Amino acid sequence: MHFINAMFYVAIAFSSLLQGPSGFEWHKKSTFSTDHQVEFPGIVLESGVYTIRLRESSEKRSSVQILNQDETQLLATVLAVPDHRVPPDDNSEFTFHVVKSAGPQPVQSWYFFGDLIGLEFVYPAPRAKEIAKESDTHVMASNIGKDAVILAVTPKGKEIVIDEPLTQTARRKP
């Protein structure tokens, strides 16, 4: 009997080592409803219901998918970086850049219900500069691409490097 219990515990230990991302992290998705136009990096959504889903997550960068309501059509895949908040006053999952001009409201961050660490969306650099100027706050920017440099653009247009991709260098044989 002890042998069977020991084998059971060994099997559990090995199975936990072979698992990929936790089911909780991997299956993060939210329903996003809007009654007016909103902007995610590279796409403007009309009023309606959409699904926002975490596709790939890492310590410094994440990939987020925007899908139609029944998840049959991928509308966009966008880059996001970690964003921290104090305990929220409400159960809001999405925050927006408050801009002075009329038009689609840019989405700033997505927080999965109950999390204090969310994802701030990374806009193309030219659009990020416009949003930063109009909202009088920083906006995450990149020249788009999974391995591009990520910047924080200030309202005055200053660019601050937040994350640079690792560059591999050739090594000489000893």
C-alpha atoms as a PDB file:
ATOM      1  CA  MET A   1       0.000   0.000   0.000  1.00  0.00           C
ATOM      2  CA  HIS A   2       2.842   2.387   0.838  1.00  0.00           C
ATOM      3  CA  PHE A   3       4.394   1.648  -2.534  1.00  0.00           C
ATOM      4  CA  ILE A   4       1.169   2.652  -4.355  1.00  0.00           C
ATOM      5  CA  ASN A   5       0.888   5.883  -2.337  1.00  0.00           C
ATOM      6  CA  ALA A   6       4.539   6.709  -3.039  1.00  0.00           C
ATOM      7  CA  MET A   7       4.039   6.122  -6.791  1.00  0.00           C
ATOM      8  CA  PHE A   8       0.933   8.312  -6.706  1.00  0.00           C
ATOM      9  CA  TYR A   9       2.838  11.211  -5.114  1.00  0.00           C
ATOM     10  CA  VAL A  10       5.756  10.830  -7.541  1.00  0.00           C
ATOM     11  CA  ALA A  11       3.319  10.916 -10.473  1.00  0.00           C
ATOM     12  CA  ILE A  12       1.693  14.098  -9.122  1.00  0.00           C
ATOM     13  CA  ALA A  13       5.083  15.752  -8.634  1.00  0.00           C
ATOM     14  CA  PHE A  14       6.195  14.971 -12.190  1.00  0.00           C
ATOM     15  CA  SER A  15       2.904  16.041 -13.729  1.00  0.00           C
ATOM     16  CA  SER A  16       3.114  19.439 -12.025  1.00  0.00           C
ATOM     17  CA  LEU A  17       6.625  19.955 -13.452  1.00  0.00           C
ATOM     18  CA  LEU A  18       5.463  19.223 -17.003  1.00  0.00           C
ATOM     19  CA  GLN A  19       2.541  21.615 -17.011  1.00  0.00           C
ATOM     20  CA  GLY A  20       2.640  24.785 -19.089  1.00  0.00           C
ATOM     21  CA  PRO A  21       1.077  28.048 -17.941  1.00  0.00           C
ATOM     22  CA  SER A  22      -1.484  27.657 -15.218  1.00  0.00           C
ATOM     23  CA  GLY A  23      -5.039  27.200 -16.390  1.00  0.00           C
ATOM     24  CA  PHE A  24      -6.012  30.312 -14.460  1.00  0.00           C
ATOM     25  CA  GLU A  25      -3.486  32.500 -16.273  1.00  0.00           C
ATOM     26  CA  TRP A  26      -3.941  30.966 -19.713  1.00  0.00           C
ATOM     27  CA  HIS A  27      -7.728  31.227 -19.847  1.00  0.00           C
ATOM     28  CA  LYS A  28      -8.030  34.878 -18.905  1.00  0.00           C
ATOM     29  CA  LYS A  29     -10.682  36.518 -21.012  1.00  0.00           C
ATOM     30  CA  SER A  30     -13.307  39.191 -20.597  1.00  0.00           C
ATOM     31  CA  THR A  31     -16.425  40.286 -22.364  1.00  0.00           C
ATOM     32  CA  PHE A  32     -16.093  43.888 -23.481  1.00  0.00           C
ATOM     33  CA  SER A  33     -19.343  45.790 -24.162  1.00  0.00           C
ATOM     34  CA  THR A  34     -19.399  49.307 -25.536  1.00  0.00           C
ATOM     35  CA  ASP A  35     -22.118  51.672 -26.713  1.00  0.00           C
ATOM     36  CA  HIS A  36     -19.669  53.975 -28.537  1.00  0.00           C
ATOM     37  CA  GLN A  37     -16.489  53.664 -30.591  1.00  0.00           C
ATOM     38  CA  VAL A  38     -13.364  52.646 -28.697  1.00  0.00           C
ATOM     39  CA  GLU A  39      -9.789  52.296 -29.832  1.00  0.00           C
ATOM     40  CA  PHE A  40      -7.329  49.511 -29.153  1.00  0.00           C
ATOM     41  CA  PRO A  41      -3.858  49.729 -30.706  1.00  0.00           C
ATOM     42  CA  GLY A  42      -4.324  49.568 -34.460  1.00  0.00           C
ATOM     43  CA  ILE A  43      -8.102  49.045 -34.468  1.00  0.00           C
ATOM     44  CA  VAL A  44     -11.254  51.046 -33.783  1.00  0.00           C
ATOM     45  CA  LEU A  45     -14.223  49.005 -32.569  1.00  0.00           C
ATOM     46  CA  GLU A  46     -17.791  50.063 -33.216  1.00  0.00           C
ATOM     47  CA  SER A  47     -20.395  49.751 -30.463  1.00  0.00           C
ATOM     48  CA  GLY A  48     -21.039  46.124 -29.650  1.00  0.00           C
ATOM     49  CA  VAL A  49     -19.847  43.174 -27.617  1.00  0.00           C
ATOM     50  CA  TYR A  50     -16.365  41.704 -27.992  1.00  0.00           C
ATOM     51  CA  THR A  51     -14.156  39.120 -26.317  1.00  0.00           C
ATOM     52  CA  ILE A  52     -10.730  40.141 -25.046  1.00  0.00           C
ATOM     53  CA  ARG A  53      -8.458  37.156 -24.421  1.00  0.00           C
ATOM     54  CA  LEU A  54      -4.901  36.730 -23.153  1.00  0.00           C
ATOM     55  CA  ARG A  55      -3.027  34.826 -25.851  1.00  0.00           C
ATOM     56  CA  GLU A  56       0.501  34.755 -24.499  1.00  0.00           C
ATOM     57  CA  SER A  57       1.917  36.119 -21.280  1.00  0.00           C
ATOM     58  CA  SER A  58       5.438  36.760 -20.082  1.00  0.00           C
ATOM     59  CA  GLU A  59       7.053  38.865 -17.381  1.00  0.00           C
ATOM     60  CA  LYS A  60       7.574  41.932 -19.590  1.00  0.00           C
ATOM     61  CA  ARG A  61       5.281  41.530 -22.622  1.00  0.00           C
ATOM     62  CA  SER A  62       1.968  39.908 -23.350  1.00  0.00           C
ATOM     63  CA  SER A  63      -0.104  39.275 -26.419  1.00  0.00           C
ATOM     64  CA  VAL A  64      -3.841  39.981 -26.250  1.00  0.00           C
ATOM     65  CA  GLN A  65      -6.456  38.948 -28.809  1.00  0.00           C
ATOM     66  CA  ILE A  66      -9.568  40.927 -29.650  1.00  0.00           C
ATOM     67  CA  LEU A  67     -12.351  38.756 -31.045  1.00  0.00           C
ATOM     68  CA  ASN A  68     -15.990  39.128 -32.010  1.00  0.00           C
ATOM     69  CA  GLN A  69     -18.605  38.182 -29.417  1.00  0.00           C
ATOM     70  CA  ASP A  70     -18.871  34.489 -30.340  1.00  0.00           C
ATOM     71  CA  GLU A  71     -15.081  34.182 -30.752  1.00  0.00           C
ATOM     72  CA  THR A  72     -15.294  33.046 -34.379  1.00  0.00           C
ATOM     73  CA  GLN A  73     -13.351  35.983 -35.844  1.00  0.00           C
ATOM     74  CA  LEU A  74     -10.006  37.344 -34.687  1.00  0.00           C
ATOM     75  CA  LEU A  75     -10.121  41.130 -35.123  1.00  0.00           C
ATOM     76  CA  ALA A  76      -6.661  42.022 -33.803  1.00  0.00           C
ATOM     77  CA  THR A  77      -3.731  40.811 -31.757  1.00  0.00           C
ATOM     78  CA  VAL A  78      -2.119  43.572 -29.710  1.00  0.00           C
ATOM     79  CA  LEU A  79       0.936  43.963 -27.508  1.00  0.00           C
ATOM     80  CA  ALA A  80       0.596  44.820 -23.802  1.00  0.00           C
ATOM     81  CA  VAL A  81       2.916  45.331 -20.835  1.00  0.00           C
ATOM     82  CA  PRO A  82       2.293  44.835 -17.091  1.00  0.00           C
ATOM     83  CA  ASP A  83       0.397  47.644 -15.364  1.00  0.00           C
ATOM     84  CA  HIS A  84      -0.076  47.965 -11.595  1.00  0.00           C
ATOM     85  CA  ARG A  85      -2.943  49.565  -9.707  1.00  0.00           C
ATOM     86  CA  VAL A  86      -4.033  50.172  -6.150  1.00  0.00           C
ATOM     87  CA  PRO A  87      -7.122  48.279  -5.016  1.00  0.00           C
ATOM     88  CA  PRO A  88      -9.871  49.442  -7.368  1.00  0.00           C
ATOM     89  CA  ASP A  89     -12.858  51.478  -6.245  1.00  0.00           C
ATOM     90  CA  ASP A  90     -15.100  49.498  -8.565  1.00  0.00           C
ATOM     91  CA  ASN A  91     -15.042  46.247 -10.504  1.00  0.00           C
ATOM     92  CA  SER A  92     -13.930  47.957 -13.686  1.00  0.00           C
ATOM     93  CA  GLU A  93     -11.854  45.700 -15.891  1.00  0.00           C
ATOM     94  CA  PHE A  94     -10.904  48.321 -18.504  1.00  0.00           C
ATOM     95  CA  THR A  95      -9.450  51.788 -18.090  1.00  0.00           C
ATOM     96  CA  PHE A  96      -9.344  54.469 -20.772  1.00  0.00           C
ATOM     97  CA  HIS A  97      -7.165  57.391 -21.746  1.00  0.00           C
ATOM     98  CA  VAL A  98      -9.298  60.515 -21.275  1.00  0.00           C
ATOM     99  CA  VAL A  99      -8.747  62.554 -24.425  1.00  0.00           C
ATOM    100  CA  LYS A 100      -9.952  66.092 -25.146  1.00  0.00           C
ATOM    101  CA  SER A 101     -10.960  65.544 -28.784  1.00  0.00           C
ATOM    102  CA  ALA A 102     -14.025  63.779 -30.111  1.00  0.00           C
ATOM    103  CA  GLY A 103     -13.624  60.325 -31.556  1.00  0.00           C
ATOM    104  CA  PRO A 104     -12.974  56.814 -30.331  1.00  0.00           C
ATOM    105  CA  GLN A 105     -11.879  56.573 -26.706  1.00  0.00           C
ATOM    106  CA  PRO A 106      -8.468  54.813 -26.452  1.00  0.00           C
ATOM    107  CA  VAL A 107      -8.359  51.837 -24.102  1.00  0.00           C
ATOM    108  CA  GLN A 108      -5.441  52.126 -21.680  1.00  0.00           C
ATOM    109  CA  SER A 109      -5.433  48.955 -19.576  1.00  0.00           C
ATOM    110  CA  TRP A 110      -7.187  45.656 -18.969  1.00  0.00           C
ATOM    111  CA  TYR A 111      -7.351  44.196 -15.462  1.00  0.00           C
ATOM    112  CA  PHE A 112      -8.717  40.714 -15.055  1.00  0.00           C
ATOM    113  CA  PHE A 113     -11.374  40.758 -12.334  1.00  0.00           C
ATOM    114  CA  GLY A 114      -9.747  40.927  -8.895  1.00  0.00           C
ATOM    115  CA  ASP A 115      -6.145  41.348 -10.114  1.00  0.00           C
ATOM    116  CA  LEU A 116      -3.958  44.273  -9.090  1.00  0.00           C
ATOM    117  CA  ILE A 117      -1.607  43.675 -12.019  1.00  0.00           C
ATOM    118  CA  GLY A 118      -3.137  44.169 -15.419  1.00  0.00           C
ATOM    119  CA  LEU A 119      -2.023  44.828 -18.962  1.00  0.00           C
ATOM    120  CA  GLU A 120      -1.431  48.257 -20.474  1.00  0.00           C
ATOM    121  CA  PHE A 121      -1.847  48.335 -24.235  1.00  0.00           C
ATOM    122  CA  VAL A 122       1.047  49.428 -26.433  1.00  0.00           C
ATOM    123  CA  TYR A 123       0.077  51.807 -29.240  1.00  0.00           C
ATOM    124  CA  PRO A 124       1.985  52.531 -32.451  1.00  0.00           C
ATOM    125  CA  ALA A 125       4.454  55.346 -31.664  1.00  0.00           C
ATOM    126  CA  PRO A 126       2.809  58.088 -33.788  1.00  0.00           C
ATOM    127  CA  ARG A 127      -0.644  57.393 -32.316  1.00  0.00           C
ATOM    128  CA  ALA A 128       0.788  57.121 -28.787  1.00  0.00           C
ATOM    129  CA  LYS A 129       2.240  60.640 -29.129  1.00  0.00           C
ATOM    130  CA  GLU A 130      -1.197  61.991 -30.126  1.00  0.00           C
ATOM    131  CA  ILE A 131      -2.960  60.237 -27.242  1.00  0.00           C
ATOM    132  CA  ALA A 132      -0.322  61.377 -24.714  1.00  0.00           C
ATOM    133  CA  LYS A 133      -0.674  64.985 -25.822  1.00  0.00           C
ATOM    134  CA  GLU A 134      -4.493  64.868 -25.757  1.00  0.00           C
ATOM    135  CA  SER A 135      -4.772  63.004 -22.445  1.00  0.00           C
ATOM    136  CA  ASP A 136      -1.920  64.731 -20.601  1.00  0.00           C
ATOM    137  CA  THR A 137      -0.604  61.366 -19.407  1.00  0.00           C
ATOM    138  CA  HIS A 138       1.994  58.814 -20.502  1.00  0.00           C
ATOM    139  CA  VAL A 139       1.135  56.245 -23.174  1.00  0.00           C
ATOM    140  CA  MET A 140       2.992  53.027 -23.947  1.00  0.00           C
ATOM    141  CA  ALA A 141       4.386  52.970 -27.475  1.00  0.00           C
ATOM    142  CA  SER A 142       6.315  50.801 -29.866  1.00  0.00           C
ATOM    143  CA  ASN A 143       7.189  50.663 -33.515  1.00  0.00           C
ATOM    144  CA  ILE A 144       5.052  47.535 -33.446  1.00  0.00           C
ATOM    145  CA  GLY A 145       6.460  44.085 -33.588  1.00  0.00           C
ATOM    146  CA  LYS A 146       6.863  41.409 -30.997  1.00  0.00           C
ATOM    147  CA  ASP A 147      10.527  42.254 -30.451  1.00  0.00           C
ATOM    148  CA  ALA A 148      10.379  46.047 -30.828  1.00  0.00           C
ATOM    149  CA  VAL A 149      11.531  48.490 -28.166  1.00  0.00           C
ATOM    150  CA  ILE A 150       8.725  49.600 -25.832  1.00  0.00           C
ATOM    151  CA  LEU A 151       8.627  53.265 -24.822  1.00  0.00           C
ATOM    152  CA  ALA A 152       6.587  55.425 -22.484  1.00  0.00           C
ATOM    153  CA  VAL A 153       5.659  58.622 -24.338  1.00  0.00           C
ATOM    154  CA  THR A 154       5.074  61.676 -22.134  1.00  0.00           C
ATOM    155  CA  PRO A 155       2.571  64.460 -22.900  1.00  0.00           C
ATOM    156  CA  LYS A 156       5.487  66.620 -24.102  1.00  0.00           C
ATOM    157  CA  GLY A 157       6.603  63.901 -26.517  1.00  0.00           C
ATOM    158  CA  LYS A 158       9.604  62.644 -24.555  1.00  0.00           C
ATOM    159  CA  GLU A 159      10.279  58.945 -25.117  1.00  0.00           C
ATOM    160  CA  ILE A 160      11.493  56.822 -22.206  1.00  0.00           C
ATOM    161  CA  VAL A 161      12.678  53.281 -22.945  1.00  0.00           C
ATOM    162  CA  ILE A 162      10.756  50.774 -20.843  1.00  0.00           C
ATOM    163  CA  ASP A 163      11.850  47.489 -22.396  1.00  0.00           C
ATOM    164  CA  GLU A 164      14.409  46.573 -25.016  1.00  0.00           C
ATOM    165  CA  PRO A 165      14.458  43.149 -26.609  1.00  0.00           C
ATOM    166  CA  LEU A 166      17.453  40.992 -25.870  1.00  0.00           C
ATOM    167  CA  THR A 167      19.998  40.981 -28.645  1.00  0.00           C
ATOM    168  CA  GLN A 168      22.035  37.887 -29.144  1.00  0.00           C
ATOM    169  CA  THR A 169      25.708  38.251 -29.840  1.00  0.00           C
ATOM    170  CA  ALA A 170      27.984  35.702 -31.370  1.00  0.00           C
ATOM    171  CA  ARG A 171      30.348  34.041 -28.962  1.00  0.00           C
ATOM    172  CA  ARG A 172      33.888  33.127 -29.805  1.00  0.00           C
ATOM    173  CA  LYS A 173      35.099  29.663 -29.142  1.00  0.00           C
ATOM    174  CA  PRO A 174      37.674  29.624 -26.345  1.00  0.00           C
END
